[in-house]
N, C-alpha and C. Protein backbone atom coordinates (compact mmCIF):
# COMPACT_ATOMS: atom_id res chain seq x y z
N MET A 1 17.73 -13.52 13.63
CA MET A 1 16.72 -13.61 12.44
C MET A 1 15.48 -12.71 12.93
N TYR A 2 15.06 -11.54 12.48
CA TYR A 2 13.74 -11.00 12.47
C TYR A 2 13.15 -10.23 11.27
N ALA A 3 11.71 -10.17 11.56
CA ALA A 3 11.14 -9.61 10.33
C ALA A 3 10.09 -8.60 10.93
N ILE A 4 9.69 -7.23 10.40
CA ILE A 4 8.89 -6.82 10.69
C ILE A 4 7.59 -6.75 9.89
N VAL A 5 6.48 -6.78 10.34
CA VAL A 5 5.22 -7.36 9.49
C VAL A 5 4.13 -6.70 10.27
N GLU A 6 3.07 -6.41 9.38
CA GLU A 6 1.85 -5.68 9.96
C GLU A 6 0.60 -6.62 10.14
N ILE A 7 0.15 -6.73 11.30
CA ILE A 7 -0.89 -7.72 11.75
C ILE A 7 -1.89 -6.88 12.41
N ALA A 8 -3.00 -7.25 11.83
CA ALA A 8 -4.32 -6.25 12.33
C ALA A 8 -3.90 -5.01 12.55
N GLY A 9 -3.42 -4.20 11.62
CA GLY A 9 -3.48 -3.02 10.84
C GLY A 9 -2.26 -2.28 11.79
N LYS A 10 -1.24 -3.21 12.45
CA LYS A 10 -0.05 -2.50 13.52
C LYS A 10 1.11 -3.30 12.96
N GLN A 11 2.25 -2.43 13.39
CA GLN A 11 3.55 -3.12 12.57
C GLN A 11 4.36 -3.78 13.99
N PHE A 12 4.75 -4.99 13.89
CA PHE A 12 5.54 -5.66 14.91
C PHE A 12 6.82 -6.12 14.30
N LYS A 13 7.52 -6.26 15.26
CA LYS A 13 9.08 -7.11 15.32
C LYS A 13 8.82 -8.21 15.65
N VAL A 14 9.06 -9.29 15.00
CA VAL A 14 8.69 -10.87 15.19
C VAL A 14 10.12 -11.57 15.10
N ASN A 15 10.49 -12.43 15.92
CA ASN A 15 11.24 -13.41 15.68
C ASN A 15 10.56 -14.81 15.56
N GLN A 16 11.18 -15.94 15.16
CA GLN A 16 10.99 -17.15 15.37
C GLN A 16 10.49 -17.73 16.65
N ASN A 17 9.64 -18.20 16.98
CA ASN A 17 8.93 -18.85 18.17
C ASN A 17 8.88 -17.96 19.64
N GLN A 18 8.27 -16.76 18.92
CA GLN A 18 7.94 -15.35 19.87
C GLN A 18 6.58 -15.61 20.21
N LYS A 19 6.36 -15.44 21.17
CA LYS A 19 4.75 -15.13 21.52
C LYS A 19 4.41 -13.97 21.28
N LEU A 20 3.00 -13.34 20.81
CA LEU A 20 2.92 -11.92 20.62
C LEU A 20 1.56 -11.67 21.06
N PHE A 21 1.17 -10.69 21.95
CA PHE A 21 -0.28 -10.25 21.77
C PHE A 21 -0.55 -9.29 20.83
N VAL A 22 -1.85 -9.52 20.00
CA VAL A 22 -2.08 -8.51 19.17
C VAL A 22 -3.68 -8.18 19.11
N ASN A 23 -4.04 -6.91 18.60
CA ASN A 23 -5.73 -7.39 18.73
C ASN A 23 -6.47 -8.48 18.19
N ARG A 24 -7.63 -8.26 18.37
CA ARG A 24 -8.30 -9.49 18.48
C ARG A 24 -8.61 -9.90 17.04
N LEU A 25 -7.89 -11.42 16.68
CA LEU A 25 -8.32 -11.78 15.30
C LEU A 25 -9.66 -12.66 15.39
N SER A 26 -9.75 -12.75 13.92
CA SER A 26 -11.21 -13.51 13.88
C SER A 26 -10.85 -14.96 13.91
N GLU A 27 -9.80 -15.52 13.65
CA GLU A 27 -9.47 -16.82 13.40
C GLU A 27 -9.63 -17.49 14.82
N LYS A 28 -9.96 -19.00 14.70
CA LYS A 28 -10.18 -19.74 15.96
C LYS A 28 -8.85 -19.89 16.42
N GLU A 29 -9.15 -20.62 18.01
CA GLU A 29 -8.08 -20.71 18.44
C GLU A 29 -7.30 -22.31 17.94
N GLY A 30 -6.00 -22.31 18.10
CA GLY A 30 -5.47 -23.49 17.38
C GLY A 30 -4.72 -23.41 16.08
N SER A 31 -5.70 -22.66 15.34
CA SER A 31 -5.70 -22.23 13.58
C SER A 31 -4.39 -22.00 13.32
N LYS A 32 -3.94 -21.94 12.18
CA LYS A 32 -2.66 -20.86 11.38
C LYS A 32 -3.06 -19.91 10.52
N VAL A 33 -2.03 -18.81 10.85
CA VAL A 33 -2.57 -17.92 10.27
C VAL A 33 -1.09 -17.40 9.69
N SER A 34 -1.52 -16.36 8.26
CA SER A 34 -0.39 -16.38 7.39
C SER A 34 -0.35 -14.72 7.25
N PHE A 35 0.63 -13.99 7.52
CA PHE A 35 0.73 -12.64 7.52
C PHE A 35 1.51 -12.25 6.05
N ASP A 36 1.27 -11.40 5.07
CA ASP A 36 1.75 -11.11 3.76
C ASP A 36 2.67 -10.06 3.73
N LYS A 37 2.47 -8.92 4.68
CA LYS A 37 2.91 -7.71 4.86
C LYS A 37 3.97 -7.58 5.62
N VAL A 38 5.09 -7.97 4.88
CA VAL A 38 6.50 -8.28 5.35
C VAL A 38 7.30 -6.75 4.92
N PHE A 39 7.67 -5.97 5.71
CA PHE A 39 8.03 -4.48 5.46
C PHE A 39 9.52 -5.10 5.59
N LEU A 40 10.21 -5.62 6.55
CA LEU A 40 11.89 -5.78 6.51
C LEU A 40 12.04 -6.92 6.95
N TYR A 41 13.16 -7.72 6.34
CA TYR A 41 13.60 -9.01 6.76
C TYR A 41 15.23 -9.14 7.38
N ASP A 42 15.48 -9.48 8.34
CA ASP A 42 17.00 -9.29 8.41
C ASP A 42 17.23 -11.05 9.00
N ASP A 43 18.24 -11.77 8.51
CA ASP A 43 18.70 -13.15 8.37
C ASP A 43 20.15 -12.82 9.50
N GLY A 44 20.73 -12.01 9.63
CA GLY A 44 21.61 -11.65 10.35
C GLY A 44 22.77 -11.46 9.75
N VAL A 45 22.92 -11.75 8.28
CA VAL A 45 23.94 -11.30 7.18
C VAL A 45 23.11 -10.14 5.93
N LYS A 46 22.16 -10.11 5.98
CA LYS A 46 21.43 -9.18 4.61
C LYS A 46 20.42 -8.99 5.27
N VAL A 47 19.88 -7.49 5.17
CA VAL A 47 18.63 -7.08 5.31
C VAL A 47 18.19 -6.72 4.17
N SER A 48 16.72 -7.16 4.46
CA SER A 48 15.84 -6.92 2.93
C SER A 48 14.92 -6.13 3.30
N ILE A 49 14.68 -4.80 2.47
CA ILE A 49 13.69 -3.75 2.87
C ILE A 49 12.45 -3.78 1.59
N GLY A 50 11.45 -3.85 1.73
CA GLY A 50 10.47 -4.02 0.96
C GLY A 50 10.03 -2.85 0.37
N GLU A 51 9.42 -2.46 -0.86
CA GLU A 51 9.08 -0.96 -1.18
C GLU A 51 7.54 -1.74 -1.63
N PRO A 52 6.31 -1.31 -0.79
CA PRO A 52 6.37 -1.14 0.53
C PRO A 52 6.80 -2.40 1.49
N SER A 53 6.33 -3.70 0.84
CA SER A 53 6.60 -4.61 1.30
C SER A 53 7.30 -5.77 0.35
N ILE A 54 7.85 -6.85 0.83
CA ILE A 54 8.68 -7.59 0.33
C ILE A 54 7.83 -8.80 -0.52
N SER A 55 7.75 -8.80 -1.65
CA SER A 55 7.17 -9.66 -2.34
C SER A 55 7.34 -11.02 -1.97
N GLY A 56 6.68 -11.99 -1.80
CA GLY A 56 7.20 -13.72 -1.31
C GLY A 56 7.73 -13.92 -0.05
N ALA A 57 7.41 -12.55 0.58
CA ALA A 57 7.79 -13.10 2.02
C ALA A 57 6.62 -13.38 2.70
N SER A 58 6.58 -14.13 3.75
CA SER A 58 5.17 -14.23 4.81
C SER A 58 5.77 -14.36 6.01
N VAL A 59 4.89 -14.37 7.10
CA VAL A 59 5.24 -14.92 8.44
C VAL A 59 4.05 -15.77 9.04
N GLU A 60 4.28 -16.89 8.94
CA GLU A 60 3.24 -17.95 9.72
C GLU A 60 3.21 -17.84 11.31
N ALA A 61 2.08 -18.06 11.87
CA ALA A 61 1.92 -17.66 13.28
C ALA A 61 0.61 -19.17 13.41
N LYS A 62 0.37 -19.21 14.88
CA LYS A 62 -0.64 -20.22 15.06
C LYS A 62 -1.13 -19.46 16.40
N VAL A 63 -2.72 -19.53 16.08
CA VAL A 63 -3.29 -18.76 17.25
C VAL A 63 -3.52 -19.67 18.47
N LEU A 64 -2.74 -19.01 19.60
CA LEU A 64 -2.54 -19.71 20.99
C LEU A 64 -3.97 -19.44 21.84
N ASN A 65 -4.68 -18.13 21.88
CA ASN A 65 -5.35 -18.13 22.87
C ASN A 65 -5.88 -17.04 22.50
N HIS A 66 -7.25 -16.62 23.06
CA HIS A 66 -7.89 -15.09 22.99
C HIS A 66 -8.22 -14.91 24.03
N LEU A 67 -8.10 -13.73 24.47
CA LEU A 67 -8.07 -13.22 26.17
C LEU A 67 -8.47 -12.04 25.99
N LYS A 68 -8.56 -11.19 27.40
CA LYS A 68 -8.54 -10.11 27.41
C LYS A 68 -7.36 -9.23 28.47
N ASP A 69 -7.17 -7.74 27.85
CA ASP A 69 -5.92 -7.55 28.52
C ASP A 69 -6.42 -7.07 30.01
N ASP A 70 -5.62 -6.39 30.60
CA ASP A 70 -5.70 -5.84 32.29
C ASP A 70 -6.64 -4.88 32.01
N LYS A 71 -7.39 -4.58 33.06
CA LYS A 71 -8.45 -3.62 32.69
C LYS A 71 -7.67 -1.88 32.87
N ILE A 72 -8.27 -1.28 32.15
CA ILE A 72 -7.40 0.12 32.23
C ILE A 72 -8.89 1.15 32.80
N ILE A 73 -8.51 1.81 33.68
CA ILE A 73 -9.63 2.83 34.20
C ILE A 73 -9.58 3.93 33.75
N VAL A 74 -10.68 4.62 33.10
CA VAL A 74 -10.92 5.69 32.49
C VAL A 74 -11.28 6.76 33.51
N PHE A 75 -11.01 7.54 33.91
CA PHE A 75 -11.45 8.79 34.97
C PHE A 75 -11.71 9.95 34.30
N LYS A 76 -12.68 10.67 34.11
CA LYS A 76 -12.96 11.89 33.97
C LYS A 76 -13.45 12.66 34.69
N LYS A 77 -12.72 14.02 35.18
CA LYS A 77 -13.20 15.15 36.17
C LYS A 77 -13.22 16.61 35.73
N LYS A 78 -14.32 17.16 36.08
CA LYS A 78 -13.95 18.76 35.63
C LYS A 78 -14.12 19.26 37.02
N ARG A 79 -12.98 20.01 37.58
CA ARG A 79 -13.01 20.55 38.88
C ARG A 79 -14.16 21.46 39.40
N ARG A 80 -14.56 21.50 40.56
CA ARG A 80 -15.21 22.61 40.86
C ARG A 80 -16.54 22.29 40.30
N LYS A 81 -17.10 21.28 39.37
CA LYS A 81 -18.45 21.42 38.73
C LYS A 81 -18.91 20.21 39.54
N GLY A 82 -18.57 19.24 40.04
CA GLY A 82 -18.95 18.01 40.51
C GLY A 82 -19.17 16.96 39.29
N TYR A 83 -18.42 16.83 38.47
CA TYR A 83 -18.38 16.15 37.22
C TYR A 83 -17.59 14.96 37.65
N ARG A 84 -17.48 13.74 37.72
CA ARG A 84 -16.73 12.70 37.80
C ARG A 84 -17.54 11.25 37.34
N VAL A 85 -16.55 10.70 36.29
CA VAL A 85 -16.84 9.52 35.55
C VAL A 85 -15.85 8.57 35.74
N LYS A 86 -15.97 7.46 36.10
CA LYS A 86 -15.15 6.51 36.03
C LYS A 86 -15.61 5.33 35.29
N ASN A 87 -14.84 4.83 34.22
CA ASN A 87 -14.97 3.64 33.19
C ASN A 87 -13.74 2.88 33.14
N GLY A 88 -14.23 1.24 33.00
CA GLY A 88 -12.77 0.77 32.74
C GLY A 88 -13.43 -0.08 31.50
N HIS A 89 -11.83 -0.50 30.84
CA HIS A 89 -12.02 -1.18 29.30
C HIS A 89 -10.94 -2.03 29.44
N ARG A 90 -11.44 -3.14 28.89
CA ARG A 90 -10.19 -4.29 28.72
C ARG A 90 -10.17 -4.74 27.54
N GLN A 91 -9.10 -4.29 26.82
CA GLN A 91 -8.81 -4.79 25.27
C GLN A 91 -8.76 -6.27 24.85
N ALA A 92 -9.65 -6.82 23.79
CA ALA A 92 -9.67 -8.17 23.38
C ALA A 92 -8.34 -8.11 22.58
N LEU A 93 -7.89 -9.31 23.32
CA LEU A 93 -6.31 -9.41 22.35
C LEU A 93 -6.15 -11.09 22.04
N THR A 94 -5.16 -11.44 20.94
CA THR A 94 -5.19 -12.73 20.64
C THR A 94 -3.69 -12.90 21.00
N GLU A 95 -3.49 -14.22 21.50
CA GLU A 95 -1.82 -14.40 21.90
C GLU A 95 -1.38 -15.15 20.61
N LEU A 96 -0.29 -14.68 19.85
CA LEU A 96 0.15 -15.81 18.40
C LEU A 96 1.69 -16.46 19.12
N LEU A 97 1.70 -17.46 18.17
CA LEU A 97 3.32 -18.07 18.14
C LEU A 97 3.52 -17.74 17.26
N ILE A 98 4.77 -17.27 16.68
CA ILE A 98 5.16 -17.32 15.43
C ILE A 98 6.27 -18.24 15.26
N GLU A 99 5.71 -19.23 14.13
CA GLU A 99 6.31 -20.38 13.95
C GLU A 99 6.88 -20.12 12.83
N LYS A 100 7.05 -19.59 11.75
CA LYS A 100 8.07 -19.45 10.50
C LYS A 100 8.18 -18.05 10.13
N ILE A 101 9.51 -17.75 9.53
CA ILE A 101 9.47 -16.47 8.77
C ILE A 101 9.64 -16.83 7.21
N LEU A 102 9.22 -16.84 6.32
CA LEU A 102 9.48 -17.42 5.12
C LEU A 102 9.76 -16.42 4.29
N VAL A 103 10.99 -16.24 3.65
CA VAL A 103 11.39 -15.40 2.58
C VAL A 103 11.82 -16.07 1.07
N ASN A 104 10.65 -16.32 0.22
CA ASN A 104 11.12 -16.94 -0.94
C ASN A 104 11.73 -16.16 -1.96
N GLY A 105 11.56 -14.91 -2.29
CA GLY A 105 11.98 -14.09 -3.10
C GLY A 105 11.98 -12.65 -2.20
N SER A 106 13.59 -12.14 -1.43
CA SER A 106 13.47 -10.97 -0.97
C SER A 106 13.38 -9.71 -2.36
N LYS A 107 13.86 -10.10 -3.21
CA LYS A 107 13.82 -9.29 -4.25
C LYS A 107 13.38 -9.94 -5.36
N PRO A 108 12.18 -9.44 -6.11
CA PRO A 108 11.52 -9.88 -7.39
C PRO A 108 12.59 -9.81 -8.42
N LYS A 109 12.80 -10.95 -8.88
CA LYS A 109 13.83 -11.30 -10.13
C LYS A 109 12.77 -10.49 -11.54
N ALA A 110 13.49 -10.34 -12.31
CA ALA A 110 13.35 -9.65 -13.52
C ALA A 110 12.27 -10.64 -14.58
N SER A 111 11.20 -10.13 -14.52
CA SER A 111 10.46 -11.37 -15.19
C SER A 111 11.02 -11.42 -16.42
N ARG A 112 10.86 -12.93 -17.03
CA ARG A 112 11.31 -12.83 -18.19
C ARG A 112 10.06 -12.89 -19.32
N LYS A 113 10.19 -12.16 -20.40
CA LYS A 113 9.15 -11.81 -21.61
C LYS A 113 8.92 -13.05 -22.30
N GLU A 114 8.13 -13.91 -22.14
CA GLU A 114 7.66 -14.63 -22.81
C GLU A 114 7.43 -14.54 -24.22
N LYS A 115 7.95 -15.44 -25.42
CA LYS A 115 7.64 -15.08 -26.64
C LYS A 115 6.49 -15.04 -27.16
N PRO A 116 5.55 -14.15 -27.59
CA PRO A 116 4.05 -14.05 -28.19
C PRO A 116 4.11 -14.93 -29.39
N ASP A 117 2.87 -15.79 -29.53
CA ASP A 117 2.70 -16.63 -30.49
C ASP A 117 2.66 -15.70 -32.25
N VAL A 118 2.67 -16.05 -32.92
CA VAL A 118 2.55 -15.51 -34.30
C VAL A 118 1.39 -14.89 -34.12
N LYS A 119 0.18 -15.47 -33.74
CA LYS A 119 -1.09 -14.75 -33.90
C LYS A 119 -1.38 -13.49 -33.07
N THR A 120 -0.36 -13.62 -31.74
CA THR A 120 -0.80 -12.48 -30.93
C THR A 120 0.23 -11.18 -31.51
N LYS A 121 1.08 -11.47 -32.34
CA LYS A 121 2.07 -10.56 -32.86
C LYS A 121 1.33 -9.84 -33.80
N SER A 122 0.81 -10.64 -34.41
CA SER A 122 0.03 -9.83 -35.73
C SER A 122 -1.11 -9.11 -35.12
N LEU A 123 -1.82 -9.52 -34.01
CA LEU A 123 -2.95 -8.97 -33.29
C LEU A 123 -2.14 -7.46 -32.46
N LEU A 124 -1.24 -7.40 -32.14
CA LEU A 124 -0.41 -6.61 -31.63
C LEU A 124 -0.10 -5.53 -32.44
N LYS A 125 0.52 -5.82 -33.49
CA LYS A 125 0.85 -4.94 -34.93
C LYS A 125 -0.34 -3.99 -35.31
N LYS A 126 -1.37 -4.86 -35.50
CA LYS A 126 -3.10 -4.28 -35.90
C LYS A 126 -3.49 -3.01 -34.72
N GLU A 127 -2.89 -3.56 -33.77
CA GLU A 127 -3.50 -2.41 -32.51
C GLU A 127 -2.73 -1.01 -32.46
N THR A 128 -1.57 -1.41 -32.67
CA THR A 128 -0.54 -0.28 -33.05
C THR A 128 -0.85 0.49 -33.79
N LYS A 129 -1.19 -0.15 -35.26
CA LYS A 129 -1.74 0.70 -36.44
C LYS A 129 -2.60 1.44 -36.32
N VAL A 130 -3.89 0.84 -35.62
CA VAL A 130 -5.01 1.58 -35.41
C VAL A 130 -5.00 2.46 -34.40
N LYS A 131 -4.26 2.07 -33.36
CA LYS A 131 -3.81 3.64 -32.06
C LYS A 131 -3.20 4.87 -33.41
N THR A 132 -1.93 4.53 -34.02
CA THR A 132 -1.36 5.49 -34.52
C THR A 132 -2.48 6.14 -35.44
N SER A 133 -3.11 5.44 -36.71
CA SER A 133 -4.08 5.93 -37.01
C SER A 133 -5.08 6.97 -36.40
N ALA A 134 -5.65 6.55 -35.20
CA ALA A 134 -6.60 7.59 -34.40
C ALA A 134 -5.79 8.61 -34.17
N LYS A 135 -4.66 8.55 -33.74
CA LYS A 135 -3.97 10.02 -33.32
C LYS A 135 -3.85 10.95 -34.30
N GLU A 136 -3.87 10.23 -35.45
CA GLU A 136 -3.59 10.90 -36.85
C GLU A 136 -4.91 11.74 -37.38
N LYS A 137 -5.90 10.87 -37.27
CA LYS A 137 -7.27 11.45 -37.53
C LYS A 137 -7.99 12.34 -36.29
N ASN A 138 -7.31 12.50 -35.03
CA ASN A 138 -7.55 13.30 -34.08
C ASN A 138 -7.08 14.72 -33.96
N SER A 139 -7.66 15.85 -33.68
CA SER A 139 -6.86 16.94 -33.73
C SER A 139 -5.62 16.86 -32.44
N SER A 140 -5.10 17.87 -32.57
CA SER A 140 -3.84 17.47 -31.67
C SER A 140 -4.15 18.13 -30.24
N GLY A 141 -5.07 18.93 -30.14
CA GLY A 141 -5.63 19.13 -29.00
C GLY A 141 -6.27 17.96 -28.17
N GLU A 142 -7.02 17.29 -28.85
CA GLU A 142 -7.68 16.17 -28.21
C GLU A 142 -6.32 14.84 -27.98
N VAL A 143 -5.15 14.71 -28.50
CA VAL A 143 -4.38 13.93 -27.90
C VAL A 143 -3.59 14.30 -26.85
N LYS A 144 -3.45 15.87 -26.87
CA LYS A 144 -2.75 16.42 -25.64
C LYS A 144 -3.51 16.42 -24.50
N THR A 145 -4.67 16.76 -24.61
CA THR A 145 -5.99 16.41 -23.16
C THR A 145 -5.79 15.20 -22.73
N LYS A 146 -5.91 13.79 -23.66
CA LYS A 146 -5.45 12.57 -22.92
C LYS A 146 -4.38 12.48 -22.08
N GLY A 147 -3.21 13.15 -22.48
CA GLY A 147 -1.99 12.95 -22.03
C GLY A 147 -2.14 13.90 -20.64
N LEU A 148 -2.64 15.08 -20.69
CA LEU A 148 -2.45 16.09 -19.87
C LEU A 148 -3.94 15.37 -18.18
N ASN A 149 -4.45 14.59 -18.66
CA ASN A 149 -5.01 13.97 -17.72
C ASN A 149 -4.71 12.89 -16.74
N SER A 150 -3.51 12.32 -17.44
CA SER A 150 -3.14 11.53 -16.62
C SER A 150 -1.80 11.99 -15.61
N MET A 151 -1.47 13.61 -16.10
CA MET A 151 -0.49 14.13 -15.40
C MET A 151 -1.05 14.30 -14.18
N THR A 152 -0.24 14.56 -12.97
CA THR A 152 -0.47 15.07 -11.39
C THR A 152 -0.64 16.74 -11.67
N LEU A 153 -1.22 17.30 -10.72
CA LEU A 153 -1.18 18.76 -10.55
C LEU A 153 -0.42 19.18 -10.67
N SER A 154 1.05 19.07 -9.63
CA SER A 154 2.13 19.42 -10.06
C SER A 154 2.99 19.52 -11.20
N GLU A 155 2.51 18.36 -11.96
CA GLU A 155 3.29 18.56 -13.21
C GLU A 155 2.61 19.56 -14.11
N LEU A 156 1.22 19.13 -14.21
CA LEU A 156 0.46 20.30 -14.78
C LEU A 156 0.80 21.82 -14.69
N LYS A 157 1.40 22.30 -13.28
CA LYS A 157 1.62 23.61 -13.15
C LYS A 157 2.87 23.60 -13.91
N LYS A 158 3.97 22.77 -13.68
CA LYS A 158 5.33 22.91 -14.15
C LYS A 158 4.94 23.01 -15.63
N GLU A 159 4.44 22.55 -16.46
CA GLU A 159 4.15 22.86 -17.65
C GLU A 159 3.59 24.14 -18.09
N ALA A 160 2.41 24.50 -17.03
CA ALA A 160 1.74 25.62 -17.59
C ALA A 160 2.76 26.64 -17.28
N LYS A 161 3.89 26.64 -16.06
CA LYS A 161 4.70 27.60 -16.07
C LYS A 161 5.83 27.78 -16.86
N SER A 162 6.04 26.64 -17.75
CA SER A 162 6.99 26.79 -18.98
C SER A 162 6.24 27.36 -20.01
N LYS A 163 5.09 27.34 -20.37
CA LYS A 163 4.44 27.86 -21.30
C LYS A 163 3.91 29.56 -20.93
N GLU A 164 4.24 29.74 -19.58
CA GLU A 164 4.07 31.10 -19.16
C GLU A 164 2.58 31.68 -19.07
N ILE A 165 1.65 30.75 -18.73
CA ILE A 165 0.12 30.91 -18.07
C ILE A 165 0.37 31.56 -16.98
N SER A 166 -0.40 32.68 -17.00
CA SER A 166 -0.54 33.15 -15.56
C SER A 166 -1.83 33.05 -14.53
N GLY A 167 -1.24 32.99 -13.04
CA GLY A 167 -2.76 32.81 -12.45
C GLY A 167 -3.01 31.39 -12.29
N ILE A 168 -1.75 30.47 -12.21
CA ILE A 168 -1.92 28.88 -11.89
C ILE A 168 -1.92 28.61 -10.77
N SER A 169 -1.68 29.32 -9.55
CA SER A 169 -1.59 28.83 -8.60
C SER A 169 -3.06 28.55 -7.94
N SER A 170 -4.00 29.36 -8.43
CA SER A 170 -5.55 29.42 -7.85
C SER A 170 -6.09 28.27 -8.68
N MET A 171 -5.70 28.03 -9.82
CA MET A 171 -6.28 27.05 -11.02
C MET A 171 -6.35 25.57 -10.35
N LYS A 172 -7.42 25.33 -10.56
CA LYS A 172 -7.75 23.63 -10.44
C LYS A 172 -7.56 22.36 -11.46
N LYS A 173 -7.07 21.60 -11.41
CA LYS A 173 -6.52 20.72 -12.17
C LYS A 173 -7.51 20.36 -13.34
N SER A 174 -8.80 20.70 -13.60
CA SER A 174 -9.52 20.69 -14.79
C SER A 174 -9.53 22.33 -15.46
N ASP A 175 -9.15 23.20 -14.97
CA ASP A 175 -8.72 24.62 -15.18
C ASP A 175 -7.54 24.77 -16.16
N LEU A 176 -6.38 23.89 -15.14
CA LEU A 176 -5.20 23.71 -16.04
C LEU A 176 -5.16 23.05 -17.15
N ILE A 177 -5.81 21.79 -17.42
CA ILE A 177 -6.11 20.95 -18.41
C ILE A 177 -6.44 22.10 -19.48
N ALA A 178 -7.59 22.75 -19.39
CA ALA A 178 -8.39 23.58 -20.45
C ALA A 178 -7.41 24.87 -20.51
N ALA A 179 -6.65 25.30 -19.99
CA ALA A 179 -5.57 26.36 -20.28
C ALA A 179 -4.50 25.97 -21.03
N LEU A 180 -4.13 24.84 -20.62
CA LEU A 180 -2.81 23.92 -21.47
C LEU A 180 -3.18 23.40 -22.69
N SER A 181 -4.27 22.76 -23.04
CA SER A 181 -5.02 22.59 -24.39
C SER A 181 -5.05 23.44 -25.39
N LYS A 182 -5.61 24.60 -24.49
CA LYS A 182 -5.68 26.02 -25.66
C LYS A 182 -4.26 26.15 -26.51
N LYS A 183 -3.32 26.32 -25.41
CA LYS A 183 -2.14 27.08 -26.17
C LYS A 183 -1.39 25.92 -26.87
C-alpha cells in the first residue's frame, strides 16, 4: 500500500510507517501534519488515480525532527583567470514519519440533487424567464459576443475558419471576437 503525495511542492512516494526527509516545514517538532494532494493511491488490489488529485484522500504524518542536510561544496573556477570561489550549502530539512494514508472516497460519487423548495423553484423559473427575455431584447450580435468571450483562442480560430475569415493566424483574441461578431 503506497501513495504519491505532494509535500512542500515536491511529489513523494510514501508508505505507512515510512520516514521521509522533505524541505523544511513550518510546523513544530512533534506536531501532526496532513497532506491533501494525493495524486495516486495503490492498496495492492486497486490503483486509484486522481484528476489531478484524489478527493477525500489525505496522508497524515508526524514531524519528528528539523535538521540540516550534509554540506554540499559549490566550487566555481574560470581557468587561466585566477578566479576561484568556494561556497558551502546545507539544506534545511524536516524528518517526517508517515502515520496513515486515508482514502475516504477514491472516486467521488455522483452527488444527489436535493429537491428544491417550492419558493426556490418559482425563483428559478422567474430567473430563466428574465434571461430569455433579455436575450430576445438584445441584438443578436451582443448575445454572440458574450458567447465568444467564453471561448478559447483555438476555438475562435476554428469558428473563424469555418466562416472563411482571412488573416486569422495573426489576429489576437479581441480581433477574432470583433471579426466574428460582424459576420
